Amino acid sequence: MPKHFEYKIDSPIGTAMTVGVVVAAVIAGAVFSVWGIAHAAAGNVASVEAAEVLATLSTADPQTHFALGVRLDETFEPGSTEAAQTAFEKAVAHSPYNYLLWMQLARAFEQNGHDDRAEAALARALQLAPNYASVKWAHGNLIVRRGRFNEGFVHIREAVAADPAIAAPAAAVAWDLFKGDVAAIRNAVGDSPGLNAALAVMLVNAGRFEDAGAAWSSIPPEIALKDLAVQRSKMFNALVAAHRYRTAALFADEEIPIGGLTNGDFESPVKTDGATAFEWQIARGDAPLIAVSDNAPQSGRYALIMGFGKLNTSFRPISQLVVVEPGRTYTVTFQYRSEIEALRSELKWAVTEPVSGRRLGDSGALTPAGSWTARSFDFMVPPDAEGVRLESVRENCSGPACTVSGNIWFDDFAMTAR
C-alpha cells in the first residue's frame, strides 16, 4: 500500500498549501457574498443605474437581469424598451423554467413589435404552467389581439373557468370586439356567473337596463347573494340613482315586492341610519322622535310613533320608496291614532313621483283620533315612472307660531293595485 503524502504545517510546502486553501476560500466567499448581495438587492433596486451595477456584479443571476428589465421598462428613454427586452432575455437564459420570466419577456417582445416571438414566449409559459389562469388569459388575449378570435377565446374561456376574477376583463375584451352583442359575448367567453355579473355592469353603463336585469337574473341566487355581493351592491346603487327601480329590485339583498310596501306593519326594526333604498327612511334631525313602539299597536306587537313633545317647530319625515307598475292605480291604506295638538299646520301622508317630486295623491289632514282610525287614498302612477315615494308631510306651516305638540301612532300600512 503506497505511503500517504504527509506534510507539516510549519514546513514550506505545508505553509504554501495552507495559504492557498485560505486564499481560495476567501475568494469563493467573496464571490458568493457579491452574488448574494446583488441577488438580495435586486428586489429593492430603485433606479436603472443601480440595477445595471447589480446585473454586472452578478451576471448569472436571473433576478438581477429581471430587476434591470423592470426598471428599464418603467422609463421612457429612447431605446429603453429594447434594452429591457435584452435584460429579460438574459433572465430567461439563466432561469429557463420560470414561467413568470417568459411572460415578462413576451410583454417586452410585443412592446417592440415582435408579435411572433411574444406568442412563442407565452406558448412556452403555458407549457411550463399549463393550469395557471393568468397564463391562459395572457396567451388567449394576445391571440385575440392578433385577429385569431376563435383560437384566442378557447384560452380565455379556460382562464375564466379557472379564475372567475378574469371574467370582468374577458367580458370587456369581448364587449369591444362584438359591439355589446350579449349572445356573441357569451358564446365567446362562456355563460358563467362571473361573466353575467360583468355583463350586467356594462349593460347598466350602456343604459340597457332590462338586458342588465336579465343577465343578473341568470345567476343562481346563492352565488348572486354571497359570491357577488360587491358587484350586486354597486349595481343596486347605480340603478336606484338612475331611477330604474324595477331592475334595481333584482339586486336588492331581500325580495322587493312590486306595488307593495316593505315592513308596513313595523314588526321589523325601522333603521335610523343605514337603511337601504326600499326600506323606511328616516330623515336626519332631532325632532320629531320617530321610533317603533309597543304602546297599544293596532295589530301585532309594534306600531310607529312620531313624538313631537311640547310646542315643537321642527319636522323630519319618514318615507319609503316603492316599486310600482307604470300607469297602474294603487290604493294606500293605514291606521292611525293621534293626540296631536297642532297650530297652523297639518300632518298627512302623501305619494310623490321621485324624479320630479310631483304629488300623486295624499291622505288629507290627520285630525285628532283617540282610537285607531282607518285612512285610505288612491293615486295613479305616471306611464314613465317605475317607483313612487310614500312620505309623511307637514303643510300649511310657516313662522315661529307653527308648532306641534303630542304624539301620533301609525300601523298597518299597505299598498294594493286596483
Protein backbone atom coordinates (compact mmCIF):
# COMPACT_ATOMS: atom_id res chain seq x y z
CA MET A 1 0.00 0.00 0.00
CA PRO A 2 1.55 3.31 -1.00
CA LYS A 3 2.60 5.60 1.71
CA HIS A 4 0.36 8.65 2.19
CA PHE A 5 1.81 12.03 1.35
CA GLU A 6 2.33 13.93 4.58
CA TYR A 7 3.42 17.46 5.30
CA LYS A 8 3.89 19.56 8.35
CA ILE A 9 2.14 22.89 8.68
CA ASP A 10 5.38 24.56 9.57
CA SER A 11 7.16 23.18 6.51
CA PRO A 12 7.47 25.32 3.35
CA ILE A 13 5.15 23.05 1.40
CA GLY A 14 2.59 22.85 4.20
CA THR A 15 2.60 26.59 4.67
CA ALA A 16 2.10 27.22 0.95
CA MET A 17 -0.79 24.77 0.71
CA THR A 18 -2.48 26.20 3.76
CA VAL A 19 -2.21 29.73 2.42
CA GLY A 20 -3.60 28.56 -0.93
CA VAL A 21 -6.61 26.94 0.69
CA VAL A 22 -7.31 30.05 2.75
CA VAL A 23 -6.98 32.36 -0.26
CA ALA A 24 -9.27 30.14 -2.34
CA ALA A 25 -11.83 30.12 0.45
CA VAL A 26 -11.66 33.89 0.79
CA ILE A 27 -12.10 34.37 -2.96
CA ALA A 28 -15.01 31.91 -3.09
CA GLY A 29 -16.63 33.58 -0.11
CA ALA A 30 -16.18 37.00 -1.66
CA VAL A 31 -17.70 35.86 -4.94
CA PHE A 32 -20.61 34.23 -3.14
CA SER A 33 -21.09 37.32 -0.97
CA VAL A 34 -21.17 39.60 -4.01
CA TRP A 35 -23.70 37.31 -5.72
CA GLY A 36 -25.82 37.11 -2.57
CA ILE A 37 -25.76 40.86 -2.02
CA ALA A 38 -26.63 41.55 -5.65
CA HIS A 39 -29.42 38.96 -5.60
CA ALA A 40 -30.93 40.36 -2.40
CA ALA A 41 -30.62 43.96 -3.53
CA ALA A 42 -32.22 43.30 -6.92
CA GLY A 43 -35.66 43.05 -5.36
CA ASN A 44 -35.42 46.59 -3.98
CA VAL A 45 -33.44 48.39 -6.65
CA ALA A 46 -34.92 51.81 -7.40
CA SER A 47 -33.04 53.07 -10.46
CA VAL A 48 -31.73 51.85 -13.80
CA GLU A 49 -28.17 52.75 -12.81
CA ALA A 50 -28.30 50.69 -9.62
CA ALA A 51 -29.89 47.78 -11.47
CA GLU A 52 -27.12 47.87 -14.09
CA VAL A 53 -24.47 47.67 -11.35
CA LEU A 54 -26.16 44.67 -9.75
CA ALA A 55 -26.53 42.89 -13.11
CA THR A 56 -22.79 43.44 -13.71
CA LEU A 57 -21.85 42.13 -10.27
CA SER A 58 -23.99 39.01 -10.68
CA THR A 59 -24.15 38.19 -14.37
CA ALA A 60 -25.53 34.67 -13.87
CA ASP A 61 -28.37 35.68 -11.55
CA PRO A 62 -31.74 35.93 -13.36
CA GLN A 63 -33.09 38.15 -10.59
CA THR A 64 -30.64 40.98 -11.31
CA HIS A 65 -31.42 40.93 -15.04
CA PHE A 66 -35.13 40.80 -14.32
CA ALA A 67 -34.84 43.80 -11.99
CA LEU A 68 -32.91 45.70 -14.66
CA GLY A 69 -35.58 44.89 -17.24
CA VAL A 70 -38.35 46.11 -14.94
CA ARG A 71 -36.57 49.40 -14.22
CA LEU A 72 -35.83 49.95 -17.92
CA ASP A 73 -39.45 49.19 -18.78
CA GLU A 74 -40.57 51.98 -16.47
CA THR A 75 -38.55 54.67 -18.24
CA PHE A 76 -39.42 56.50 -21.42
CA GLU A 77 -35.88 56.97 -22.63
CA PRO A 78 -35.08 56.14 -26.27
CA GLY A 79 -34.08 52.50 -26.59
CA SER A 80 -35.27 51.56 -23.10
CA THR A 81 -37.84 49.01 -24.32
CA GLU A 82 -35.23 47.26 -26.46
CA ALA A 83 -32.78 47.25 -23.54
CA ALA A 84 -35.50 45.86 -21.26
CA GLN A 85 -36.12 43.06 -23.75
CA THR A 86 -32.41 42.19 -23.71
CA ALA A 87 -32.42 42.10 -19.90
CA PHE A 88 -35.45 39.80 -19.83
CA GLU A 89 -33.83 37.54 -22.43
CA LYS A 90 -30.79 37.17 -20.16
CA ALA A 91 -33.06 36.45 -17.19
CA VAL A 92 -34.82 33.70 -19.14
CA ALA A 93 -31.49 32.28 -20.30
CA HIS A 94 -30.39 31.84 -16.68
CA SER A 95 -33.79 30.55 -15.49
CA PRO A 96 -35.49 28.89 -18.47
CA TYR A 97 -38.14 27.09 -16.41
CA ASN A 98 -39.62 30.18 -14.74
CA TYR A 99 -42.93 30.86 -16.48
CA LEU A 100 -43.17 34.38 -15.00
CA LEU A 101 -39.96 35.39 -16.76
CA TRP A 102 -41.32 34.07 -20.05
CA MET A 103 -44.49 36.12 -19.56
CA GLN A 104 -42.47 39.26 -18.91
CA LEU A 105 -40.32 38.56 -21.94
CA ALA A 106 -43.45 38.10 -24.06
CA ARG A 107 -44.67 41.51 -22.98
CA ALA A 108 -41.33 43.05 -23.96
CA PHE A 109 -41.43 41.31 -27.34
CA GLU A 110 -44.90 42.69 -28.01
CA GLN A 111 -43.90 46.21 -26.98
CA ASN A 112 -41.09 46.07 -29.52
CA GLY A 113 -43.35 44.80 -32.29
CA HIS A 114 -42.17 41.18 -32.23
CA ASP A 115 -45.62 39.58 -32.06
CA ASP A 116 -44.49 36.16 -33.28
CA ARG A 117 -41.79 35.98 -30.63
CA ALA A 118 -44.24 37.24 -27.99
CA GLU A 119 -46.71 34.49 -28.85
CA ALA A 120 -43.94 31.88 -28.78
CA ALA A 121 -42.81 33.12 -25.35
CA LEU A 122 -46.36 32.87 -23.98
CA ALA A 123 -46.72 29.41 -25.50
CA ARG A 124 -43.59 28.40 -23.60
CA ALA A 125 -45.00 29.92 -20.38
CA LEU A 126 -48.16 27.88 -20.95
CA GLN A 127 -46.09 24.71 -21.32
CA LEU A 128 -44.41 25.44 -18.00
CA ALA A 129 -47.64 26.41 -16.19
CA PRO A 130 -50.50 24.76 -18.10
CA ASN A 131 -53.03 25.14 -15.27
CA TYR A 132 -52.43 28.79 -14.40
CA ALA A 133 -55.34 31.05 -15.33
CA SER A 134 -53.13 34.14 -15.69
CA VAL A 135 -51.04 32.40 -18.37
CA LYS A 136 -54.10 31.19 -20.27
CA TRP A 137 -55.55 34.70 -20.13
CA ALA A 138 -52.36 36.39 -21.39
CA HIS A 139 -51.92 33.83 -24.17
CA GLY A 140 -55.53 33.98 -25.32
CA ASN A 141 -55.66 37.77 -25.11
CA LEU A 142 -52.61 38.12 -27.35
CA ILE A 143 -54.02 35.69 -29.91
CA VAL A 144 -57.33 37.60 -29.96
CA ARG A 145 -55.46 40.88 -30.48
CA ARG A 146 -53.70 39.23 -33.42
CA GLY A 147 -57.09 38.57 -35.01
CA ARG A 148 -57.45 34.83 -34.36
CA PHE A 149 -60.63 35.17 -32.31
CA ASN A 150 -61.85 31.58 -32.13
CA GLU A 151 -58.44 30.25 -31.10
CA GLY A 152 -57.84 33.02 -28.58
CA PHE A 153 -61.19 32.71 -26.84
CA VAL A 154 -60.58 29.00 -26.25
CA HIS A 155 -57.76 30.00 -23.89
CA ILE A 156 -59.79 32.88 -22.43
CA ARG A 157 -62.73 30.59 -21.63
CA GLU A 158 -60.36 28.22 -19.85
CA ALA A 159 -58.89 31.14 -17.90
CA VAL A 160 -62.32 32.37 -16.79
CA ALA A 161 -63.30 28.84 -15.73
CA ALA A 162 -60.13 28.58 -13.64
CA ASP A 163 -60.35 32.07 -12.11
CA PRO A 164 -63.73 33.90 -12.07
CA ALA A 165 -61.91 37.18 -11.40
CA ILE A 166 -60.79 37.13 -15.05
CA ALA A 167 -64.43 37.22 -16.20
CA ALA A 168 -64.62 41.02 -15.99
CA PRO A 169 -61.58 41.82 -18.20
CA ALA A 170 -62.56 38.98 -20.55
CA ALA A 171 -66.06 40.43 -20.86
CA ALA A 172 -64.57 43.87 -21.59
CA VAL A 173 -62.46 42.46 -24.43
CA ALA A 174 -65.44 40.61 -25.89
CA TRP A 175 -67.74 43.62 -25.43
CA ASP A 176 -65.49 45.82 -27.55
CA LEU A 177 -64.95 43.11 -30.14
CA PHE A 178 -68.62 42.12 -30.53
CA LYS A 179 -70.08 45.62 -30.05
CA GLY A 180 -72.16 44.71 -27.00
CA ASP A 181 -73.80 41.64 -28.58
CA VAL A 182 -74.65 39.66 -25.43
CA ALA A 183 -75.21 36.35 -27.24
CA ALA A 184 -71.88 36.62 -29.08
CA ILE A 185 -70.05 37.54 -25.87
CA ARG A 186 -71.47 34.54 -24.03
CA ASN A 187 -70.60 32.28 -26.93
CA ALA A 188 -67.01 33.52 -26.90
CA VAL A 189 -66.31 33.74 -23.16
CA GLY A 190 -68.74 31.19 -21.72
CA ASP A 191 -72.01 31.58 -19.85
CA SER A 192 -70.72 31.79 -16.28
CA PRO A 193 -71.96 33.71 -13.22
CA GLY A 194 -68.85 35.89 -13.28
CA LEU A 195 -69.39 36.78 -16.93
CA ASN A 196 -73.07 37.60 -16.40
CA ALA A 197 -72.17 39.82 -13.44
CA ALA A 198 -69.64 41.68 -15.58
CA LEU A 199 -72.16 41.92 -18.42
CA ALA A 200 -74.78 43.36 -16.07
CA VAL A 201 -72.39 46.15 -15.06
CA MET A 202 -71.54 47.01 -18.67
CA LEU A 203 -75.19 46.88 -19.73
CA VAL A 204 -76.17 49.31 -16.99
CA ASN A 205 -73.36 51.65 -18.03
CA ALA A 206 -74.68 51.42 -21.59
CA GLY A 207 -78.21 52.27 -20.44
CA ARG A 208 -79.55 48.81 -21.33
CA PHE A 209 -81.29 48.28 -18.00
CA GLU A 210 -83.65 45.46 -18.95
CA ASP A 211 -80.80 43.48 -20.50
CA ALA A 212 -78.78 44.07 -17.33
CA GLY A 213 -81.60 42.68 -15.23
CA ALA A 214 -81.89 39.64 -17.48
CA ALA A 215 -78.14 38.97 -17.24
CA TRP A 216 -78.21 39.22 -13.45
CA SER A 217 -81.33 37.07 -13.14
CA SER A 218 -79.49 34.23 -14.90
CA ILE A 219 -77.06 33.98 -11.96
CA PRO A 220 -78.03 31.39 -9.31
CA PRO A 221 -79.36 33.29 -6.25
CA GLU A 222 -76.92 31.69 -3.82
CA ILE A 223 -73.99 32.94 -5.92
CA ALA A 224 -75.50 36.38 -6.52
CA LEU A 225 -76.10 36.94 -2.81
CA LYS A 226 -72.82 35.57 -1.47
CA ASP A 227 -70.02 35.50 -4.02
CA LEU A 228 -71.04 38.61 -5.98
CA ALA A 229 -72.09 40.84 -3.08
CA VAL A 230 -69.80 43.73 -4.07
CA GLN A 231 -70.96 43.79 -7.69
CA ARG A 232 -74.57 43.44 -6.59
CA SER A 233 -74.32 46.41 -4.23
CA LYS A 234 -72.73 48.62 -6.89
CA MET A 235 -75.39 47.66 -9.42
CA PHE A 236 -78.19 48.29 -6.94
CA ASN A 237 -76.95 51.78 -6.10
CA ALA A 238 -76.35 52.67 -9.76
CA LEU A 239 -79.84 51.57 -10.80
CA VAL A 240 -81.53 53.41 -7.94
CA ALA A 241 -79.60 56.56 -8.89
CA ALA A 242 -80.82 56.10 -12.48
CA HIS A 243 -84.44 55.71 -11.19
CA ARG A 244 -84.62 52.21 -12.66
CA TYR A 245 -86.33 50.82 -9.61
CA ARG A 246 -87.83 47.67 -11.12
CA THR A 247 -84.40 46.49 -12.27
CA ALA A 248 -82.76 47.68 -9.05
CA ALA A 249 -85.11 45.43 -7.08
CA LEU A 250 -83.41 42.42 -8.69
CA PHE A 251 -80.14 43.42 -7.00
CA ALA A 252 -81.56 44.02 -3.50
CA ASP A 253 -80.48 41.95 -0.50
CA GLU A 254 -84.06 40.79 0.04
CA GLU A 255 -87.03 40.28 -2.23
CA ILE A 256 -88.70 43.59 -3.04
CA PRO A 257 -92.45 43.47 -3.76
CA ILE A 258 -93.79 45.18 -6.87
CA GLY A 259 -96.58 47.54 -5.85
CA GLY A 260 -96.28 46.70 -2.16
CA LEU A 261 -94.75 48.22 0.94
CA THR A 262 -91.93 46.73 3.00
CA ASN A 263 -92.44 46.39 6.76
CA GLY A 264 -95.75 48.24 6.62
CA ASP A 265 -96.75 46.73 9.98
CA PHE A 266 -93.50 47.84 11.67
CA GLU A 267 -92.90 44.39 13.11
CA SER A 268 -89.28 44.63 11.94
CA PRO A 269 -86.91 47.36 13.16
CA VAL A 270 -87.01 50.77 11.48
CA LYS A 271 -83.45 51.96 10.99
CA THR A 272 -82.46 55.47 11.95
CA ASP A 273 -79.33 55.14 9.81
CA GLY A 274 -78.06 52.82 7.09
CA ALA A 275 -81.45 51.86 5.63
CA THR A 276 -81.42 50.62 2.04
CA ALA A 277 -83.35 52.36 -0.74
CA PHE A 278 -86.58 50.35 -0.38
CA GLU A 279 -86.76 50.38 3.43
CA TRP A 280 -88.33 53.04 5.63
CA GLN A 281 -86.09 56.10 5.53
CA ILE A 282 -85.98 58.49 8.49
CA ALA A 283 -84.59 61.92 7.66
CA ARG A 284 -81.77 63.24 9.81
CA GLY A 285 -82.66 65.52 12.68
CA ASP A 286 -83.76 65.51 16.30
CA ALA A 287 -87.49 66.06 16.03
CA PRO A 288 -89.94 64.63 15.95
CA LEU A 289 -88.93 61.41 17.67
CA ILE A 290 -89.59 58.54 15.23
CA ALA A 291 -89.40 55.01 16.59
CA VAL A 292 -91.14 51.66 16.86
CA SER A 293 -93.40 51.49 19.92
CA ASP A 294 -95.16 48.64 21.71
CA ASN A 295 -97.73 51.03 23.22
CA ALA A 296 -101.11 49.59 22.15
CA PRO A 297 -100.46 48.84 18.45
CA GLN A 298 -103.38 48.29 16.09
CA SER A 299 -102.12 44.78 15.34
CA GLY A 300 -99.07 42.67 16.04
CA ARG A 301 -96.53 43.80 18.62
CA TYR A 302 -95.46 47.21 17.36
CA ALA A 303 -96.62 50.45 15.78
CA LEU A 304 -94.72 53.56 14.67
CA ILE A 305 -94.75 56.61 16.92
CA MET A 306 -93.94 60.21 16.00
CA GLY A 307 -93.39 62.16 19.21
CA PHE A 308 -93.31 65.96 18.99
CA GLY A 309 -93.16 66.80 22.68
CA LYS A 310 -94.33 70.32 23.57
CA LEU A 311 -94.68 73.15 21.05
CA ASN A 312 -92.20 71.65 18.60
CA THR A 313 -91.45 73.64 15.46
CA SER A 314 -89.13 71.02 13.90
CA PHE A 315 -90.19 68.33 11.46
CA ARG A 316 -88.39 65.44 9.77
CA PRO A 317 -90.26 63.00 7.54
CA ILE A 318 -90.25 59.23 7.28
CA SER A 319 -90.66 57.78 3.81
CA GLN A 320 -90.42 54.65 1.70
CA LEU A 321 -89.55 54.22 -1.96
CA VAL A 322 -91.93 51.70 -3.54
CA VAL A 323 -91.51 49.83 -6.83
CA VAL A 324 -94.70 50.08 -8.92
CA GLU A 325 -96.01 49.29 -12.37
CA PRO A 326 -96.21 52.29 -14.72
CA GLY A 327 -99.74 53.52 -15.43
CA ARG A 328 -101.39 51.50 -12.64
CA THR A 329 -103.72 52.89 -9.98
CA TYR A 330 -102.97 51.98 -6.38
CA THR A 331 -104.70 52.40 -3.03
CA VAL A 332 -102.79 53.25 0.15
CA THR A 333 -104.39 52.22 3.45
CA PHE A 334 -103.18 52.71 7.02
CA GLN A 335 -104.33 53.05 10.61
CA TYR A 336 -103.53 55.93 12.95
CA ARG A 337 -104.41 57.35 16.35
CA SER A 338 -103.47 60.86 17.36
CA GLU A 339 -103.06 63.06 20.41
CA ILE A 340 -101.63 65.83 18.27
CA GLU A 341 -102.33 69.46 19.00
CA ALA A 342 -101.25 71.48 16.00
CA LEU A 343 -101.28 75.22 15.48
CA ARG A 344 -101.38 76.43 11.88
CA SER A 345 -100.16 73.12 10.43
CA GLU A 346 -101.45 69.86 9.00
CA LEU A 347 -99.94 66.38 9.18
CA LYS A 348 -100.68 63.98 6.33
CA TRP A 349 -99.23 61.18 4.18
CA ALA A 350 -98.54 61.80 0.50
CA VAL A 351 -97.32 59.87 -2.54
CA THR A 352 -94.93 61.64 -4.91
CA GLU A 353 -93.07 60.77 -8.10
CA PRO A 354 -89.39 60.59 -7.02
CA VAL A 355 -87.79 62.22 -10.06
CA SER A 356 -89.98 65.29 -10.42
CA GLY A 357 -91.34 65.42 -6.87
CA ARG A 358 -94.86 65.81 -8.26
CA ARG A 359 -97.56 64.80 -5.81
CA LEU A 360 -99.81 61.99 -7.00
CA GLY A 361 -102.16 61.78 -4.01
CA ASP A 362 -102.43 62.29 -0.24
CA SER A 363 -104.44 61.27 2.80
CA GLY A 364 -105.70 64.71 3.71
CA ALA A 365 -105.05 66.25 7.13
CA LEU A 366 -104.96 63.78 10.01
CA THR A 367 -107.39 65.01 12.64
CA PRO A 368 -107.17 64.03 16.32
CA ALA A 369 -108.34 60.45 16.94
CA GLY A 370 -108.28 58.81 20.35
CA SER A 371 -108.71 55.31 18.91
CA TRP A 372 -107.30 53.59 15.86
CA THR A 373 -108.79 55.11 12.71
CA ALA A 374 -108.51 53.89 9.12
CA ARG A 375 -107.47 56.16 6.26
CA SER A 376 -107.03 55.46 2.55
CA PHE A 377 -106.38 57.30 -0.69
CA ASP A 378 -105.76 56.48 -4.34
CA PHE A 379 -103.13 57.58 -6.83
CA MET A 380 -102.17 56.81 -10.41
CA VAL A 381 -98.59 56.09 -11.45
CA PRO A 382 -97.32 58.11 -14.43
CA PRO A 383 -96.71 55.97 -17.53
CA ASP A 384 -92.96 56.58 -17.43
CA ALA A 385 -92.42 56.01 -13.68
CA GLU A 386 -91.12 52.83 -12.03
CA GLY A 387 -91.41 53.97 -8.43
CA VAL A 388 -93.22 56.29 -6.04
CA ARG A 389 -92.37 57.67 -2.63
CA LEU A 390 -94.77 57.43 0.32
CA GLU A 391 -93.84 60.03 2.93
CA SER A 392 -95.12 61.89 5.95
CA VAL A 393 -95.50 65.63 5.36
CA ARG A 394 -96.37 68.75 7.32
CA GLU A 395 -98.14 71.51 5.42
CA ASN A 396 -99.71 74.94 5.83
CA CYS A 397 -97.00 75.77 8.30
CA SER A 398 -94.72 78.79 8.40
CA GLY A 399 -93.18 81.03 11.01
CA PRO A 400 -92.37 80.50 14.70
CA ALA A 401 -96.04 80.17 15.63
CA CYS A 402 -96.25 76.90 13.66
CA THR A 403 -95.95 74.34 16.43
CA VAL A 404 -96.97 70.73 17.01
CA SER A 405 -97.43 69.05 20.39
CA GLY A 406 -98.16 65.46 21.38
CA ASN A 407 -97.82 62.02 19.79
CA ILE A 408 -99.25 60.24 16.77
CA TRP A 409 -99.09 56.50 16.05
CA PHE A 410 -99.27 54.63 12.71
CA ASP A 411 -99.75 50.96 11.88
CA ASP A 412 -100.68 48.50 9.12
CA PHE A 413 -99.64 50.46 6.03
CA ALA A 414 -100.48 48.67 2.79
CA MET A 415 -100.47 49.46 -0.91
CA THR A 416 -102.55 47.47 -3.37
CA ALA A 417 -103.07 47.71 -7.11
CA ARG A 418 -106.56 48.34 -8.41
